[in-house]
Amino acid sequence: MARAQFFGGNWFVYSSTLDARLRQTHQLALTGKAQLIITLNHHLAFLHTQ
């Protein structure tokens, strides 16, 4: 019972930390994709001008 109350009390802190971490990971994934797309576009543009 005490364990459940303890967990319940820390749930908000834990979930918001987890949420922030997931958002950060998602942001990194998006940044990685954007970089890949930009790189591909540069390569395509380069090939097109040759």
Protein backbone atom coordinates (compact mmCIF):
# COMPACT_ATOMS: atom_id res chain seq x y z
CA MET A 1 0.00 0.00 0.00
CA ALA A 2 2.77 2.42 0.96
CA ARG A 3 4.59 1.45 -2.21
CA ALA A 4 1.53 2.23 -4.34
CA GLN A 5 1.14 5.63 -2.65
CA PHE A 6 4.84 6.36 -3.14
CA PHE A 7 4.63 5.41 -6.80
CA GLY A 8 1.45 7.46 -7.19
CA GLY A 9 3.14 10.49 -5.67
CA ASN A 10 6.09 10.24 -8.04
CA TRP A 11 4.04 9.36 -11.10
CA PHE A 12 3.71 12.94 -12.33
CA VAL A 13 7.44 13.60 -12.02
CA TYR A 14 8.26 10.29 -13.69
CA SER A 15 5.77 10.69 -16.53
CA SER A 16 6.82 14.27 -17.30
CA THR A 17 10.49 13.22 -17.32
CA LEU A 18 9.66 10.31 -19.61
CA ASP A 19 7.62 12.62 -21.83
CA ALA A 20 10.50 15.08 -22.10
CA ARG A 21 12.91 12.27 -22.93
CA LEU A 22 10.61 10.86 -25.60
CA ARG A 23 10.12 14.30 -27.10
CA GLN A 24 13.89 14.84 -27.17
CA THR A 25 14.42 11.47 -28.87
CA HIS A 26 11.66 12.24 -31.35
CA GLN A 27 13.22 15.63 -32.05
CA LEU A 28 16.59 13.99 -32.72
CA ALA A 29 14.96 11.48 -35.07
CA LEU A 30 13.24 14.30 -36.97
CA THR A 31 16.49 16.25 -37.17
CA GLY A 32 18.27 13.16 -38.48
CA LYS A 33 15.60 12.66 -41.15
CA ALA A 34 15.75 16.32 -42.15
CA GLN A 35 19.53 16.09 -42.48
CA LEU A 36 19.21 12.98 -44.62
CA ILE A 37 16.64 14.65 -46.91
CA ILE A 38 18.80 17.77 -47.23
CA THR A 39 21.83 15.61 -48.07
CA LEU A 40 19.87 13.64 -50.68
CA ASN A 41 18.58 16.86 -52.22
CA HIS A 42 22.12 18.21 -52.45
CA HIS A 43 23.28 15.01 -54.15
CA LEU A 44 20.37 15.10 -56.60
CA ALA A 45 20.98 18.76 -57.39
CA PHE A 46 24.68 18.03 -57.90
CA LEU A 47 23.94 15.13 -60.27
CA HIS A 48 21.44 17.27 -62.13
CA THR A 49 24.02 20.00 -62.81
CA GLN A 50 26.62 17.52 -64.13
